[in-house]
Amino acid sequence: MPLSMCRIGSTVVVKDLSVDDALAKRLYSMGVIKGVFVKVVSAEYNGPMTIELLGSQLALGFEIASQIQVETSKYH
């Protein structure tokens, strides 16, 4: 499912990035890579969301969050 569909407070694991190479490099530099655990801190309907990963918070636009495929985590 896309990250943009996750509820506030949920922890998910990144499975795939359906983005172009330039955006993939930007996300990689911020720690958004396959296998990383992400917690949804805040989200607006069809708007930006704030996620927490690797001890930092990151704001993502709806379009970008829609292109990050995640699945629920059994461990968090």
PDB file of N, CA and C in Angstrom:
ATOM      1  N   MET A   1       0.849  -1.171   0.000  1.00  0.00           N
ATOM      2  CA  MET A   1       0.000   0.000   0.000  1.00  0.00           C
ATOM      3  C   MET A   1       0.891   1.228   0.000  1.00  0.00           C
ATOM      4  N   PRO A   2       0.395   2.351  -0.514  1.00  0.00           N
ATOM      5  CA  PRO A   2       1.192   3.570  -0.502  1.00  0.00           C
ATOM      6  C   PRO A   2       1.301   4.169   0.896  1.00  0.00           C
ATOM      7  N   LEU A   3       2.415   4.785   1.185  1.00  0.00           N
ATOM      8  CA  LEU A   3       2.627   5.433   2.472  1.00  0.00           C
ATOM      9  C   LEU A   3       1.534   6.459   2.754  1.00  0.00           C
ATOM     10  N   SER A   4       1.041   7.114   1.722  1.00  0.00           N
ATOM     11  CA  SER A   4       0.014   8.150   1.892  1.00  0.00           C
ATOM     12  C   SER A   4      -1.280   7.613   2.492  1.00  0.00           C
ATOM     13  N   MET A   5      -1.500   6.296   2.463  1.00  0.00           N
ATOM     14  CA  MET A   5      -2.721   5.710   3.013  1.00  0.00           C
ATOM     15  C   MET A   5      -2.582   5.281   4.472  1.00  0.00           C
ATOM     16  N   CYS A   6      -1.398   5.423   5.051  1.00  0.00           N
ATOM     17  CA  CYS A   6      -1.167   4.970   6.418  1.00  0.00           C
ATOM     18  C   CYS A   6      -1.762   5.943   7.433  1.00  0.00           C
ATOM     19  N   ARG A   7      -2.202   5.390   8.548  1.00  0.00           N
ATOM     20  CA  ARG A   7      -2.796   6.193   9.618  1.00  0.00           C
ATOM     21  C   ARG A   7      -1.719   6.772  10.529  1.00  0.00           C
ATOM     22  N   ILE A   8      -2.060   7.871  11.160  1.00  0.00           N
ATOM     23  CA  ILE A   8      -1.163   8.482  12.132  1.00  0.00           C
ATOM     24  C   ILE A   8      -0.882   7.482  13.246  1.00  0.00           C
ATOM     25  N   GLY A   9       0.377   7.354  13.626  1.00  0.00           N
ATOM     26  CA  GLY A   9       0.784   6.446  14.686  1.00  0.00           C
ATOM     27  C   GLY A   9       1.209   5.077  14.202  1.00  0.00           C
ATOM     28  N   SER A  10       0.928   4.744  12.944  1.00  0.00           N
ATOM     29  CA  SER A  10       1.304   3.425  12.448  1.00  0.00           C
ATOM     30  C   SER A  10       2.782   3.381  12.076  1.00  0.00           C
ATOM     31  N   THR A  11       3.366   2.217  12.258  1.00  0.00           N
ATOM     32  CA  THR A  11       4.749   1.978  11.865  1.00  0.00           C
ATOM     33  C   THR A  11       4.741   0.971  10.735  1.00  0.00           C
ATOM     34  N   VAL A  12       5.418   1.312   9.653  1.00  0.00           N
ATOM     35  CA  VAL A  12       5.446   0.469   8.465  1.00  0.00           C
ATOM     36  C   VAL A  12       6.885   0.324   7.997  1.00  0.00           C
ATOM     37  N   VAL A  13       7.101  -0.603   7.087  1.00  0.00           N
ATOM     38  CA  VAL A  13       8.430  -0.798   6.517  1.00  0.00           C
ATOM     39  C   VAL A  13       8.358  -0.481   5.026  1.00  0.00           C
ATOM     40  N   VAL A  14       9.351   0.270   4.528  1.00  0.00           N
ATOM     41  CA  VAL A  14       9.399   0.649   3.115  1.00  0.00           C
ATOM     42  C   VAL A  14       9.727  -0.582   2.285  1.00  0.00           C
ATOM     43  N   LYS A  15       8.912  -0.832   1.250  1.00  0.00           N
ATOM     44  CA  LYS A  15       9.112  -1.982   0.372  1.00  0.00           C
ATOM     45  C   LYS A  15       9.607  -1.607  -1.013  1.00  0.00           C
ATOM     46  N   ASP A  16       9.162  -0.451  -1.526  1.00  0.00           N
ATOM     47  CA  ASP A  16       9.559  -0.068  -2.879  1.00  0.00           C
ATOM     48  C   ASP A  16       9.362   1.429  -3.062  1.00  0.00           C
ATOM     49  N   LEU A  17      10.183   2.024  -3.905  1.00  0.00           N
ATOM     50  CA  LEU A  17      10.059   3.432  -4.259  1.00  0.00           C
ATOM     51  C   LEU A  17       9.742   3.510  -5.746  1.00  0.00           C
ATOM     52  N   SER A  18       8.569   4.000  -6.076  1.00  0.00           N
ATOM     53  CA  SER A  18       8.150   4.126  -7.479  1.00  0.00           C
ATOM     54  C   SER A  18       8.364   5.554  -7.946  1.00  0.00           C
ATOM     55  N   VAL A  19       9.618   5.998  -7.885  1.00  0.00           N
ATOM     56  CA  VAL A  19       9.971   7.383  -8.197  1.00  0.00           C
ATOM     57  C   VAL A  19      11.086   7.405  -9.238  1.00  0.00           C
ATOM     58  N   ASP A  20      11.303   8.585  -9.830  1.00  0.00           N
ATOM     59  CA  ASP A  20      12.398   8.709 -10.795  1.00  0.00           C
ATOM     60  C   ASP A  20      13.746   8.689 -10.065  1.00  0.00           C
ATOM     61  N   ASP A  21      14.807   8.580 -10.824  1.00  0.00           N
ATOM     62  CA  ASP A  21      16.141   8.434 -10.237  1.00  0.00           C
ATOM     63  C   ASP A  21      16.549   9.617  -9.362  1.00  0.00           C
ATOM     64  N   ALA A  22      16.231  10.832  -9.810  1.00  0.00           N
ATOM     65  CA  ALA A  22      16.618  12.018  -9.041  1.00  0.00           C
ATOM     66  C   ALA A  22      15.941  12.034  -7.678  1.00  0.00           C
ATOM     67  N   LEU A  23      14.649  11.723  -7.645  1.00  0.00           N
ATOM     68  CA  LEU A  23      13.925  11.695  -6.371  1.00  0.00           C
ATOM     69  C   LEU A  23      14.384  10.524  -5.516  1.00  0.00           C
ATOM     70  N   ALA A  24      14.675   9.398  -6.145  1.00  0.00           N
ATOM     71  CA  ALA A  24      15.179   8.243  -5.397  1.00  0.00           C
ATOM     72  C   ALA A  24      16.479   8.594  -4.684  1.00  0.00           C
ATOM     73  N   LYS A  25      17.363   9.338  -5.340  1.00  0.00           N
ATOM     74  CA  LYS A  25      18.617   9.750  -4.720  1.00  0.00           C
ATOM     75  C   LYS A  25      18.373  10.688  -3.549  1.00  0.00           C
ATOM     76  N   ARG A  26      17.423  11.631  -3.705  1.00  0.00           N
ATOM     77  CA  ARG A  26      17.090  12.554  -2.611  1.00  0.00           C
ATOM     78  C   ARG A  26      16.535  11.794  -1.413  1.00  0.00           C
ATOM     79  N   LEU A  27      15.614  10.869  -1.679  1.00  0.00           N
ATOM     80  CA  LEU A  27      15.026  10.092  -0.588  1.00  0.00           C
ATOM     81  C   LEU A  27      16.086   9.229   0.091  1.00  0.00           C
ATOM     82  N   TYR A  28      16.962   8.621  -0.710  1.00  0.00           N
ATOM     83  CA  TYR A  28      18.044   7.802  -0.169  1.00  0.00           C
ATOM     84  C   TYR A  28      18.926   8.626   0.764  1.00  0.00           C
ATOM     85  N   SER A  29      19.235   9.862   0.355  1.00  0.00           N
ATOM     86  CA  SER A  29      20.098  10.708   1.184  1.00  0.00           C
ATOM     87  C   SER A  29      19.443  11.076   2.515  1.00  0.00           C
ATOM     88  N   MET A  30      18.114  10.994   2.562  1.00  0.00           N
ATOM     89  CA  MET A  30      17.381  11.290   3.797  1.00  0.00           C
ATOM     90  C   MET A  30      17.062  10.031   4.595  1.00  0.00           C
ATOM     91  N   GLY A  31      17.482   8.861   4.089  1.00  0.00           N
ATOM     92  CA  GLY A  31      17.281   7.619   4.815  1.00  0.00           C
ATOM     93  C   GLY A  31      16.060   6.826   4.412  1.00  0.00           C
ATOM     94  N   VAL A  32      15.323   7.288   3.404  1.00  0.00           N
ATOM     95  CA  VAL A  32      14.141   6.558   2.937  1.00  0.00           C
ATOM     96  C   VAL A  32      14.607   5.515   1.927  1.00  0.00           C
ATOM     97  N   ILE A  33      14.852   4.303   2.430  1.00  0.00           N
ATOM     98  CA  ILE A  33      15.346   3.208   1.602  1.00  0.00           C
ATOM     99  C   ILE A  33      14.533   1.953   1.904  1.00  0.00           C
ATOM    100  N   LYS A  34      14.611   0.989   1.020  1.00  0.00           N
ATOM    101  CA  LYS A  34      13.901  -0.280   1.234  1.00  0.00           C
ATOM    102  C   LYS A  34      14.349  -0.902   2.545  1.00  0.00           C
ATOM    103  N   GLY A  35      13.376  -1.357   3.324  1.00  0.00           N
ATOM    104  CA  GLY A  35      13.659  -2.048   4.573  1.00  0.00           C
ATOM    105  C   GLY A  35      13.665  -1.167   5.807  1.00  0.00           C
ATOM    106  N   VAL A  36      13.629   0.160   5.646  1.00  0.00           N
ATOM    107  CA  VAL A  36      13.656   1.052   6.809  1.00  0.00           C
ATOM    108  C   VAL A  36      12.253   1.137   7.426  1.00  0.00           C
ATOM    109  N   PHE A  37      12.214   1.205   8.755  1.00  0.00           N
ATOM    110  CA  PHE A  37      10.953   1.374   9.474  1.00  0.00           C
ATOM    111  C   PHE A  37      10.607   2.851   9.544  1.00  0.00           C
ATOM    112  N   VAL A  38       9.355   3.167   9.279  1.00  0.00           N
ATOM    113  CA  VAL A  38       8.870   4.538   9.239  1.00  0.00           C
ATOM    114  C   VAL A  38       7.629   4.631  10.118  1.00  0.00           C
ATOM    115  N   LYS A  39       7.574   5.654  10.972  1.00  0.00           N
ATOM    116  CA  LYS A  39       6.377   5.906  11.786  1.00  0.00           C
ATOM    117  C   LYS A  39       5.703   7.168  11.272  1.00  0.00           C
ATOM    118  N   VAL A  40       4.383   7.098  11.070  1.00  0.00           N
ATOM    119  CA  VAL A  40       3.619   8.250  10.609  1.00  0.00           C
ATOM    120  C   VAL A  40       3.300   9.128  11.814  1.00  0.00           C
ATOM    121  N   VAL A  41       3.812  10.350  11.815  1.00  0.00           N
ATOM    122  CA  VAL A  41       3.636  11.284  12.924  1.00  0.00           C
ATOM    123  C   VAL A  41       2.396  12.148  12.710  1.00  0.00           C
ATOM    124  N   SER A  42       2.226  12.654  11.489  1.00  0.00           N
ATOM    125  CA  SER A  42       1.041  13.454  11.180  1.00  0.00           C
ATOM    126  C   SER A  42       0.736  13.316   9.700  1.00  0.00           C
ATOM    127  N   ALA A  43      -0.522  13.563   9.357  1.00  0.00           N
ATOM    128  CA  ALA A  43      -0.935  13.476   7.958  1.00  0.00           C
ATOM    129  C   ALA A  43      -2.198  14.289   7.751  1.00  0.00           C
ATOM    130  N   GLU A  44      -2.260  14.939   6.610  1.00  0.00           N
ATOM    131  CA  GLU A  44      -3.447  15.683   6.196  1.00  0.00           C
ATOM    132  C   GLU A  44      -4.087  14.927   5.037  1.00  0.00           C
ATOM    133  N   TYR A  45      -5.411  14.964   4.955  1.00  0.00           N
ATOM    134  CA  TYR A  45      -6.106  14.295   3.857  1.00  0.00           C
ATOM    135  C   TYR A  45      -5.649  14.894   2.531  1.00  0.00           C
ATOM    136  N   ASN A  46      -5.084  14.061   1.659  1.00  0.00           N
ATOM    137  CA  ASN A  46      -4.532  14.483   0.367  1.00  0.00           C
ATOM    138  C   ASN A  46      -3.527  15.626   0.493  1.00  0.00           C
ATOM    139  N   GLY A  47      -2.842  15.678   1.632  1.00  0.00           N
ATOM    140  CA  GLY A  47      -1.860  16.728   1.872  1.00  0.00           C
ATOM    141  C   GLY A  47      -0.570  16.148   2.404  1.00  0.00           C
ATOM    142  N   PRO A  48       0.279  17.008   2.945  1.00  0.00           N
ATOM    143  CA  PRO A  48       1.585  16.551   3.417  1.00  0.00           C
ATOM    144  C   PRO A  48       1.495  15.644   4.639  1.00  0.00           C
ATOM    145  N   MET A  49       2.536  14.877   4.832  1.00  0.00           N
ATOM    146  CA  MET A  49       2.620  14.031   6.030  1.00  0.00           C
ATOM    147  C   MET A  49       4.012  14.143   6.619  1.00  0.00           C
ATOM    148  N   THR A  50       4.081  13.948   7.930  1.00  0.00           N
ATOM    149  CA  THR A  50       5.360  13.936   8.632  1.00  0.00           C
ATOM    150  C   THR A  50       5.623  12.510   9.077  1.00  0.00           C
ATOM    151  N   ILE A  51       6.819  12.030   8.781  1.00  0.00           N
ATOM    152  CA  ILE A  51       7.205  10.682   9.192  1.00  0.00           C
ATOM    153  C   ILE A  51       8.440  10.774  10.075  1.00  0.00           C
ATOM    154  N   GLU A  52       8.643   9.730  10.852  1.00  0.00           N
ATOM    155  CA  GLU A  52       9.827   9.632  11.690  1.00  0.00           C
ATOM    156  C   GLU A  52      10.601   8.401  11.263  1.00  0.00           C
ATOM    157  N   LEU A  53      11.887   8.573  11.018  1.00  0.00           N
ATOM    158  CA  LEU A  53      12.746   7.446  10.687  1.00  0.00           C
ATOM    159  C   LEU A  53      14.158   7.751  11.134  1.00  0.00           C
ATOM    160  N   LEU A  54      14.822   6.753  11.614  1.00  0.00           N
ATOM    161  CA  LEU A  54      16.216   6.858  12.035  1.00  0.00           C
ATOM    162  C   LEU A  54      16.439   8.018  13.005  1.00  0.00           C
ATOM    163  N   GLY A  55      15.457   8.273  13.869  1.00  0.00           N
ATOM    164  CA  GLY A  55      15.586   9.304  14.883  1.00  0.00           C
ATOM    165  C   GLY A  55      15.322  10.725  14.413  1.00  0.00           C
ATOM    166  N   SER A  56      14.898  10.894  13.174  1.00  0.00           N
ATOM    167  CA  SER A  56      14.610  12.223  12.630  1.00  0.00           C
ATOM    168  C   SER A  56      13.204  12.265  12.062  1.00  0.00           C
ATOM    169  N   GLN A  57      12.670  13.478  11.926  1.00  0.00           N
ATOM    170  CA  GLN A  57      11.371  13.655  11.296  1.00  0.00           C
ATOM    171  C   GLN A  57      11.566  14.264   9.919  1.00  0.00           C
ATOM    172  N   LEU A  58      10.702  13.865   9.002  1.00  0.00           N
ATOM    173  CA  LEU A  58      10.789  14.278   7.616  1.00  0.00           C
ATOM    174  C   LEU A  58       9.385  14.562   7.101  1.00  0.00           C
ATOM    175  N   ALA A  59       9.200  15.693   6.429  1.00  0.00           N
ATOM    176  CA  ALA A  59       7.911  16.024   5.828  1.00  0.00           C
ATOM    177  C   ALA A  59       7.930  15.628   4.356  1.00  0.00           C
ATOM    178  N   LEU A  60       6.856  14.976   3.914  1.00  0.00           N
ATOM    179  CA  LEU A  60       6.727  14.554   2.524  1.00  0.00           C
ATOM    180  C   LEU A  60       5.409  15.060   1.964  1.00  0.00           C
ATOM    181  N   GLY A  61       5.420  15.485   0.721  1.00  0.00           N
ATOM    182  CA  GLY A  61       4.184  15.863   0.051  1.00  0.00           C
ATOM    183  C   GLY A  61       3.366  14.621  -0.271  1.00  0.00           C
ATOM    184  N   PHE A  62       2.074  14.827  -0.505  1.00  0.00           N
ATOM    185  CA  PHE A  62       1.161  13.714  -0.786  1.00  0.00           C
ATOM    186  C   PHE A  62       1.609  12.914  -2.001  1.00  0.00           C
ATOM    187  N   GLU A  63       2.038  13.604  -3.070  1.00  0.00           N
ATOM    188  CA  GLU A  63       2.424  12.908  -4.292  1.00  0.00           C
ATOM    189  C   GLU A  63       3.617  11.980  -4.060  1.00  0.00           C
ATOM    190  N   ILE A  64       4.596  12.451  -3.318  1.00  0.00           N
ATOM    191  CA  ILE A  64       5.769  11.620  -3.022  1.00  0.00           C
ATOM    192  C   ILE A  64       5.381  10.461  -2.115  1.00  0.00           C
ATOM    193  N   ALA A  65       4.605  10.735  -1.069  1.00  0.00           N
ATOM    194  CA  ALA A  65       4.179   9.677  -0.152  1.00  0.00           C
ATOM    195  C   ALA A  65       3.367   8.616  -0.883  1.00  0.00           C
ATOM    196  N   SER A  66       2.652   9.007  -1.927  1.00  0.00           N
ATOM    197  CA  SER A  66       1.849   8.061  -2.708  1.00  0.00           C
ATOM    198  C   SER A  66       2.718   7.116  -3.533  1.00  0.00           C
ATOM    199  N   GLN A  67       3.959   7.503  -3.778  1.00  0.00           N
ATOM    200  CA  GLN A  67       4.860   6.693  -4.600  1.00  0.00           C
ATOM    201  C   GLN A  67       5.781   5.792  -3.773  1.00  0.00           C
ATOM    202  N   ILE A  68       5.646   5.844  -2.455  1.00  0.00           N
ATOM    203  CA  ILE A  68       6.450   4.998  -1.575  1.00  0.00           C
ATOM    204  C   ILE A  68       5.570   3.847  -1.109  1.00  0.00           C
ATOM    205  N   GLN A  69       5.912   2.642  -1.532  1.00  0.00           N
ATOM    206  CA  GLN A  69       5.130   1.463  -1.171  1.00  0.00           C
ATOM    207  C   GLN A  69       5.642   0.899   0.152  1.00  0.00           C
ATOM    208  N   VAL A  70       4.702   0.606   1.056  1.00  0.00           N
ATOM    209  CA  VAL A  70       5.052   0.112   2.387  1.00  0.00           C
ATOM    210  C   VAL A  70       4.175  -1.083   2.739  1.00  0.00           C
ATOM    211  N   GLU A  71       4.562  -1.773   3.789  1.00  0.00           N
ATOM    212  CA  GLU A  71       3.678  -2.796   4.360  1.00  0.00           C
ATOM    213  C   GLU A  71       3.759  -2.690   5.870  1.00  0.00           C
ATOM    214  N   THR A  72       2.721  -3.171   6.531  1.00  0.00           N
ATOM    215  CA  THR A  72       2.689  -3.082   7.981  1.00  0.00           C
ATOM    216  C   THR A  72       3.794  -3.925   8.585  1.00  0.00           C
ATOM    217  N   SER A  73       4.259  -3.489   9.723  1.00  0.00           N
ATOM    218  CA  SER A  73       5.367  -4.167  10.392  1.00  0.00           C
ATOM    219  C   SER A  73       4.845  -5.023  11.528  1.00  0.00           C
ATOM    220  N   LYS A  74       5.335  -6.226  11.625  1.00  0.00           N
ATOM    221  CA  LYS A  74       4.978  -7.116  12.719  1.00  0.00           C
ATOM    222  C   LYS A  74       5.760  -6.772  13.985  1.00  0.00           C
ATOM    223  N   TYR A  75       6.851  -6.057  13.841  1.00  0.00           N
ATOM    224  CA  TYR A  75       7.784  -5.868  14.933  1.00  0.00           C
ATOM    225  C   TYR A  75       7.672  -4.549  15.658  1.00  0.00           C
ATOM    226  N   HIS A  76       6.916  -3.594  15.135  1.00  0.00           N
ATOM    227  CA  HIS A  76       6.779  -2.289  15.783  1.00  0.00           C
ATOM    228  C   HIS A  76       5.333  -2.022  16.074  1.00  0.00           C
TER     229      HIS A  76
END
